[in-house]
Amino acid sequence: NHKRKPDKGKVFQVSSKWDTSNHFLPGGSFTKFADWRFVHWARLNCVPLNEAIRHGNRDKRCRECGYANETLSHVLCGGKQHSRAWQHHQNAIQNQLAKAVPSSLGKITVDSAIPGTDS
C-alpha cells in the first residue's frame, strides 16, 4: 500500500482531508502540463533523485552540493546551487494554485506549518 511507505504520508494525510487540496490532480486545472506532471512525480516519489532509489546500496548524497540525502525537499528548498530558482518556480506554482481555489471553500495557508503535523 502506498501509504505504508516510510517516506509517504504527510502530503497524503493533508491533501486527502479536503477535496480542494487535490482539485488539480485529475485534470490539471490551472496548471501547465509540465507542472502537473512534476506534481504527480513528486507526489509518488518518482523524481529521479538519489534518495528515491530503493534498490541496491547506491550513494544517496546530493549530486550538486554533496549533502547527505538528495531528497525532493533538499533539491527544492535546501540545495544551494539552484535553491533560489527552484523556490521562485515553486512559489509561482503555489501562488497560481492558491488563486485558483475559491475563497468560499476555505482559507489558503502558504509558507506555514501544517496544523496537526510536525511539518
N, C-alpha and C. Protein backbone atom coordinates (compact mmCIF):
# COMPACT_ATOMS: atom_id res chain seq x y z
N ASN A 1 0.85 -1.19 0.00
CA ASN A 1 0.00 0.00 0.00
C ASN A 1 0.89 1.25 0.00
N HIS A 2 0.52 2.21 -0.79
CA HIS A 2 1.31 3.43 -0.97
C HIS A 2 1.50 4.20 0.34
N LYS A 3 0.48 4.23 1.19
CA LYS A 3 0.56 4.99 2.45
C LYS A 3 1.53 4.38 3.45
N ARG A 4 1.86 3.10 3.31
CA ARG A 4 2.73 2.43 4.27
C ARG A 4 4.21 2.65 4.02
N LYS A 5 4.58 3.25 2.90
CA LYS A 5 5.99 3.50 2.62
C LYS A 5 6.51 4.52 3.62
N PRO A 6 7.77 4.38 4.06
CA PRO A 6 8.28 5.23 5.14
C PRO A 6 8.35 6.72 4.81
N ASP A 7 8.48 7.07 3.55
CA ASP A 7 8.60 8.48 3.20
C ASP A 7 7.28 9.05 2.69
N LYS A 8 6.20 8.36 2.91
CA LYS A 8 4.89 8.81 2.45
C LYS A 8 4.06 9.23 3.65
N GLY A 9 3.01 9.95 3.38
CA GLY A 9 2.05 10.20 4.44
C GLY A 9 1.70 11.64 4.69
N LYS A 10 2.69 12.53 4.79
CA LYS A 10 2.38 13.91 5.15
C LYS A 10 1.49 14.56 4.10
N VAL A 11 1.89 14.50 2.85
CA VAL A 11 1.10 15.14 1.79
C VAL A 11 -0.24 14.44 1.67
N PHE A 12 -0.23 13.12 1.66
CA PHE A 12 -1.48 12.38 1.55
C PHE A 12 -2.40 12.70 2.72
N GLN A 13 -1.84 12.73 3.92
CA GLN A 13 -2.62 12.99 5.13
C GLN A 13 -3.32 14.34 5.03
N VAL A 14 -2.63 15.34 4.54
CA VAL A 14 -3.21 16.68 4.45
C VAL A 14 -4.12 16.81 3.24
N SER A 15 -3.66 16.36 2.08
CA SER A 15 -4.44 16.58 0.85
C SER A 15 -5.69 15.72 0.79
N SER A 16 -5.73 14.62 1.53
CA SER A 16 -6.92 13.78 1.49
C SER A 16 -8.05 14.31 2.37
N LYS A 17 -7.76 15.29 3.21
CA LYS A 17 -8.79 15.83 4.10
C LYS A 17 -9.82 16.68 3.35
N TRP A 18 -9.37 17.40 2.34
CA TRP A 18 -10.25 18.33 1.64
C TRP A 18 -10.14 18.13 0.13
N ASP A 19 -11.28 18.09 -0.54
CA ASP A 19 -11.29 17.95 -1.99
C ASP A 19 -10.56 19.09 -2.67
N THR A 20 -10.62 20.28 -2.08
CA THR A 20 -9.97 21.43 -2.70
C THR A 20 -8.46 21.29 -2.72
N SER A 21 -7.91 20.43 -1.88
CA SER A 21 -6.46 20.23 -1.87
C SER A 21 -5.97 19.50 -3.11
N ASN A 22 -6.85 18.74 -3.77
CA ASN A 22 -6.44 17.98 -4.95
C ASN A 22 -7.26 18.31 -6.18
N HIS A 23 -7.84 19.47 -6.26
CA HIS A 23 -8.69 19.78 -7.41
C HIS A 23 -7.94 19.71 -8.73
N PHE A 24 -6.63 19.91 -8.71
CA PHE A 24 -5.85 19.93 -9.95
C PHE A 24 -5.33 18.55 -10.33
N LEU A 25 -5.46 17.55 -9.46
CA LEU A 25 -4.87 16.24 -9.73
C LEU A 25 -5.52 15.51 -10.91
N PRO A 26 -6.85 15.39 -10.99
CA PRO A 26 -7.42 14.61 -12.09
C PRO A 26 -7.20 15.22 -13.47
N GLY A 27 -7.44 16.50 -13.62
CA GLY A 27 -7.39 17.09 -14.95
C GLY A 27 -6.35 18.16 -15.15
N GLY A 28 -5.65 18.54 -14.11
CA GLY A 28 -4.61 19.55 -14.26
C GLY A 28 -5.14 20.96 -14.40
N SER A 29 -6.32 21.23 -13.88
CA SER A 29 -6.89 22.57 -13.99
C SER A 29 -5.94 23.61 -13.40
N PHE A 30 -5.78 24.71 -14.09
CA PHE A 30 -4.99 25.86 -13.66
C PHE A 30 -3.49 25.57 -13.61
N THR A 31 -3.04 24.52 -14.25
CA THR A 31 -1.61 24.22 -14.26
C THR A 31 -1.15 23.91 -15.68
N LYS A 32 0.12 24.18 -15.95
CA LYS A 32 0.72 23.76 -17.21
C LYS A 32 1.00 22.27 -17.11
N PHE A 33 1.07 21.59 -18.26
CA PHE A 33 1.27 20.15 -18.24
C PHE A 33 2.57 19.77 -17.51
N ALA A 34 3.64 20.49 -17.76
CA ALA A 34 4.92 20.17 -17.12
C ALA A 34 4.81 20.27 -15.60
N ASP A 35 4.07 21.27 -15.11
CA ASP A 35 3.89 21.42 -13.66
C ASP A 35 3.01 20.30 -13.10
N TRP A 36 1.95 19.98 -13.84
CA TRP A 36 1.05 18.91 -13.43
C TRP A 36 1.81 17.59 -13.34
N ARG A 37 2.65 17.30 -14.36
CA ARG A 37 3.45 16.08 -14.37
C ARG A 37 4.43 16.06 -13.19
N PHE A 38 5.07 17.20 -12.93
CA PHE A 38 6.02 17.26 -11.81
C PHE A 38 5.32 17.00 -10.48
N VAL A 39 4.12 17.57 -10.30
CA VAL A 39 3.37 17.35 -9.06
C VAL A 39 3.14 15.85 -8.86
N HIS A 40 2.74 15.15 -9.93
CA HIS A 40 2.50 13.71 -9.81
C HIS A 40 3.78 12.94 -9.54
N TRP A 41 4.84 13.28 -10.23
CA TRP A 41 6.13 12.61 -9.99
C TRP A 41 6.57 12.83 -8.54
N ALA A 42 6.45 14.05 -8.07
CA ALA A 42 6.87 14.37 -6.70
C ALA A 42 5.98 13.66 -5.69
N ARG A 43 4.69 13.65 -5.93
CA ARG A 43 3.73 13.01 -5.03
C ARG A 43 4.01 11.52 -4.88
N LEU A 44 4.43 10.88 -5.96
CA LEU A 44 4.70 9.45 -5.94
C LEU A 44 6.17 9.11 -5.68
N ASN A 45 6.97 10.14 -5.40
CA ASN A 45 8.40 9.98 -5.16
C ASN A 45 9.10 9.34 -6.36
N CYS A 46 8.74 9.80 -7.56
CA CYS A 46 9.32 9.26 -8.79
C CYS A 46 10.29 10.24 -9.44
N VAL A 47 10.54 11.37 -8.82
CA VAL A 47 11.53 12.30 -9.35
C VAL A 47 12.88 11.59 -9.21
N PRO A 48 13.67 11.52 -10.28
CA PRO A 48 14.90 10.73 -10.23
C PRO A 48 15.99 11.36 -9.35
N LEU A 49 15.84 11.18 -8.07
CA LEU A 49 16.80 11.69 -7.10
C LEU A 49 17.49 10.51 -6.41
N ASN A 50 18.70 10.72 -5.94
CA ASN A 50 19.46 9.63 -5.32
C ASN A 50 18.75 9.02 -4.12
N GLU A 51 18.08 9.81 -3.31
CA GLU A 51 17.40 9.29 -2.12
C GLU A 51 16.20 8.43 -2.50
N ALA A 52 15.61 8.63 -3.67
CA ALA A 52 14.41 7.90 -4.07
C ALA A 52 14.72 6.49 -4.58
N ILE A 53 15.97 6.19 -4.85
CA ILE A 53 16.34 4.87 -5.38
C ILE A 53 16.28 3.86 -4.24
N ARG A 54 15.45 2.84 -4.40
CA ARG A 54 15.20 1.87 -3.34
C ARG A 54 16.08 0.63 -3.43
N HIS A 55 16.55 0.28 -4.62
CA HIS A 55 17.31 -0.95 -4.79
C HIS A 55 18.81 -0.69 -4.76
N GLY A 56 19.53 -1.66 -4.28
CA GLY A 56 20.98 -1.54 -4.24
C GLY A 56 21.45 -0.64 -3.11
N ASN A 57 22.74 -0.52 -3.00
CA ASN A 57 23.35 0.30 -1.96
C ASN A 57 24.00 1.52 -2.61
N ARG A 58 23.19 2.34 -3.27
CA ARG A 58 23.69 3.48 -4.01
C ARG A 58 23.93 4.67 -3.10
N ASP A 59 24.78 5.54 -3.58
CA ASP A 59 25.09 6.78 -2.87
C ASP A 59 23.85 7.67 -2.85
N LYS A 60 23.45 8.12 -1.69
CA LYS A 60 22.24 8.95 -1.53
C LYS A 60 22.57 10.44 -1.51
N ARG A 61 23.85 10.79 -1.57
CA ARG A 61 24.24 12.20 -1.48
C ARG A 61 23.75 13.02 -2.67
N CYS A 62 23.58 14.30 -2.43
CA CYS A 62 23.17 15.24 -3.47
C CYS A 62 24.28 15.36 -4.51
N ARG A 63 23.90 15.27 -5.78
CA ARG A 63 24.87 15.35 -6.87
C ARG A 63 25.44 16.75 -7.03
N GLU A 64 24.73 17.76 -6.56
CA GLU A 64 25.18 19.14 -6.74
C GLU A 64 26.07 19.64 -5.61
N CYS A 65 25.64 19.40 -4.37
CA CYS A 65 26.36 20.01 -3.24
C CYS A 65 26.97 19.00 -2.27
N GLY A 66 26.67 17.70 -2.45
CA GLY A 66 27.24 16.69 -1.57
C GLY A 66 26.49 16.49 -0.26
N TYR A 67 25.35 17.16 -0.08
CA TYR A 67 24.55 16.97 1.13
C TYR A 67 24.21 15.49 1.29
N ALA A 68 24.05 15.02 2.52
CA ALA A 68 23.91 13.59 2.82
C ALA A 68 22.77 12.90 2.06
N ASN A 69 21.62 13.55 1.91
CA ASN A 69 20.47 12.92 1.26
C ASN A 69 19.89 13.83 0.19
N GLU A 70 19.89 13.36 -1.05
CA GLU A 70 19.31 14.13 -2.15
C GLU A 70 17.81 13.83 -2.19
N THR A 71 17.06 14.54 -1.37
CA THR A 71 15.61 14.38 -1.30
C THR A 71 14.94 15.50 -2.08
N LEU A 72 13.65 15.34 -2.31
CA LEU A 72 12.91 16.37 -3.04
C LEU A 72 12.92 17.69 -2.27
N SER A 73 12.72 17.62 -0.96
CA SER A 73 12.72 18.86 -0.18
C SER A 73 14.09 19.53 -0.20
N HIS A 74 15.16 18.74 -0.20
CA HIS A 74 16.51 19.33 -0.27
C HIS A 74 16.71 20.03 -1.61
N VAL A 75 16.32 19.38 -2.69
CA VAL A 75 16.52 19.97 -4.02
C VAL A 75 15.67 21.22 -4.18
N LEU A 76 14.41 21.17 -3.71
CA LEU A 76 13.53 22.33 -3.87
C LEU A 76 13.85 23.46 -2.91
N CYS A 77 14.24 23.13 -1.70
CA CYS A 77 14.39 24.17 -0.68
C CYS A 77 15.78 24.28 -0.09
N GLY A 78 16.56 23.21 -0.11
CA GLY A 78 17.83 23.23 0.59
C GLY A 78 19.07 23.22 -0.26
N GLY A 79 18.94 22.84 -1.52
CA GLY A 79 20.11 22.79 -2.40
C GLY A 79 20.62 24.19 -2.68
N LYS A 80 21.89 24.42 -2.41
CA LYS A 80 22.44 25.78 -2.51
C LYS A 80 22.52 26.31 -3.94
N GLN A 81 22.91 25.46 -4.90
CA GLN A 81 23.13 25.95 -6.26
C GLN A 81 21.87 26.48 -6.93
N HIS A 82 20.78 25.76 -6.77
CA HIS A 82 19.56 26.09 -7.52
C HIS A 82 18.40 26.50 -6.63
N SER A 83 18.63 26.68 -5.35
CA SER A 83 17.52 26.89 -4.43
C SER A 83 16.69 28.12 -4.75
N ARG A 84 17.33 29.23 -5.11
CA ARG A 84 16.55 30.44 -5.42
C ARG A 84 15.67 30.24 -6.65
N ALA A 85 16.22 29.64 -7.68
CA ALA A 85 15.45 29.41 -8.91
C ALA A 85 14.31 28.43 -8.67
N TRP A 86 14.60 27.32 -7.99
CA TRP A 86 13.56 26.35 -7.69
C TRP A 86 12.49 26.95 -6.80
N GLN A 87 12.90 27.67 -5.78
CA GLN A 87 11.93 28.24 -4.86
C GLN A 87 11.04 29.27 -5.57
N HIS A 88 11.63 30.06 -6.45
CA HIS A 88 10.85 31.02 -7.23
C HIS A 88 9.82 30.28 -8.08
N HIS A 89 10.24 29.22 -8.75
CA HIS A 89 9.34 28.43 -9.59
C HIS A 89 8.24 27.78 -8.74
N GLN A 90 8.64 27.19 -7.61
CA GLN A 90 7.69 26.54 -6.72
C GLN A 90 6.67 27.54 -6.17
N ASN A 91 7.14 28.72 -5.78
CA ASN A 91 6.24 29.75 -5.26
C ASN A 91 5.27 30.23 -6.32
N ALA A 92 5.73 30.34 -7.57
CA ALA A 92 4.85 30.77 -8.66
C ALA A 92 3.72 29.77 -8.86
N ILE A 93 4.05 28.48 -8.84
CA ILE A 93 3.02 27.44 -8.97
C ILE A 93 2.08 27.47 -7.78
N GLN A 94 2.65 27.55 -6.59
CA GLN A 94 1.87 27.59 -5.36
C GLN A 94 0.90 28.77 -5.37
N ASN A 95 1.37 29.94 -5.76
CA ASN A 95 0.52 31.13 -5.78
C ASN A 95 -0.58 31.00 -6.82
N GLN A 96 -0.26 30.40 -7.97
CA GLN A 96 -1.27 30.20 -9.01
C GLN A 96 -2.36 29.25 -8.51
N LEU A 97 -1.96 28.19 -7.83
CA LEU A 97 -2.94 27.25 -7.28
C LEU A 97 -3.78 27.90 -6.18
N ALA A 98 -3.14 28.69 -5.34
CA ALA A 98 -3.87 29.37 -4.25
C ALA A 98 -4.91 30.34 -4.81
N LYS A 99 -4.58 31.01 -5.91
CA LYS A 99 -5.54 31.94 -6.53
C LYS A 99 -6.70 31.20 -7.17
N ALA A 100 -6.46 29.97 -7.62
CA ALA A 100 -7.49 29.21 -8.32
C ALA A 100 -8.57 28.67 -7.39
N VAL A 101 -8.26 28.53 -6.11
CA VAL A 101 -9.23 28.00 -5.16
C VAL A 101 -10.16 29.11 -4.70
N PRO A 102 -11.47 28.94 -4.91
CA PRO A 102 -12.42 29.97 -4.48
C PRO A 102 -12.35 30.18 -2.96
N SER A 103 -12.44 31.42 -2.53
CA SER A 103 -12.35 31.73 -1.09
C SER A 103 -13.50 31.10 -0.31
N SER A 104 -14.60 30.80 -0.98
CA SER A 104 -15.74 30.18 -0.30
C SER A 104 -15.43 28.76 0.17
N LEU A 105 -14.36 28.16 -0.36
CA LEU A 105 -14.00 26.79 0.02
C LEU A 105 -13.11 26.72 1.24
N GLY A 106 -12.63 27.86 1.70
CA GLY A 106 -11.80 27.86 2.91
C GLY A 106 -10.58 28.74 2.76
N LYS A 107 -9.84 28.82 3.83
CA LYS A 107 -8.65 29.66 3.88
C LYS A 107 -7.44 28.92 3.31
N ILE A 108 -6.69 29.57 2.46
CA ILE A 108 -5.46 29.01 1.90
C ILE A 108 -4.29 29.52 2.74
N THR A 109 -3.50 28.61 3.27
CA THR A 109 -2.35 28.97 4.07
C THR A 109 -1.09 28.64 3.28
N VAL A 110 -0.19 29.61 3.19
CA VAL A 110 1.03 29.45 2.40
C VAL A 110 2.24 29.71 3.30
N ASP A 111 3.28 28.91 3.14
CA ASP A 111 4.54 29.06 3.88
C ASP A 111 4.34 29.09 5.39
N SER A 112 3.62 28.10 5.89
CA SER A 112 3.45 27.97 7.34
C SER A 112 3.34 26.50 7.69
N ALA A 113 3.48 26.20 8.96
CA ALA A 113 3.40 24.81 9.42
C ALA A 113 2.01 24.25 9.16
N ILE A 114 1.95 22.97 8.85
CA ILE A 114 0.68 22.31 8.62
C ILE A 114 0.10 21.93 9.98
N PRO A 115 -1.11 22.44 10.31
CA PRO A 115 -1.70 22.14 11.61
C PRO A 115 -1.86 20.64 11.83
N GLY A 116 -1.50 20.18 13.01
CA GLY A 116 -1.64 18.77 13.36
C GLY A 116 -0.51 17.88 12.90
N THR A 117 0.56 18.46 12.33
CA THR A 117 1.72 17.67 11.92
C THR A 117 2.98 18.32 12.47
N ASP A 118 4.10 17.63 12.33
CA ASP A 118 5.37 18.21 12.76
C ASP A 118 6.10 18.86 11.59
N SER A 119 5.36 19.17 10.54
CA SER A 119 5.96 19.73 9.32
C SER A 119 5.76 21.24 9.25
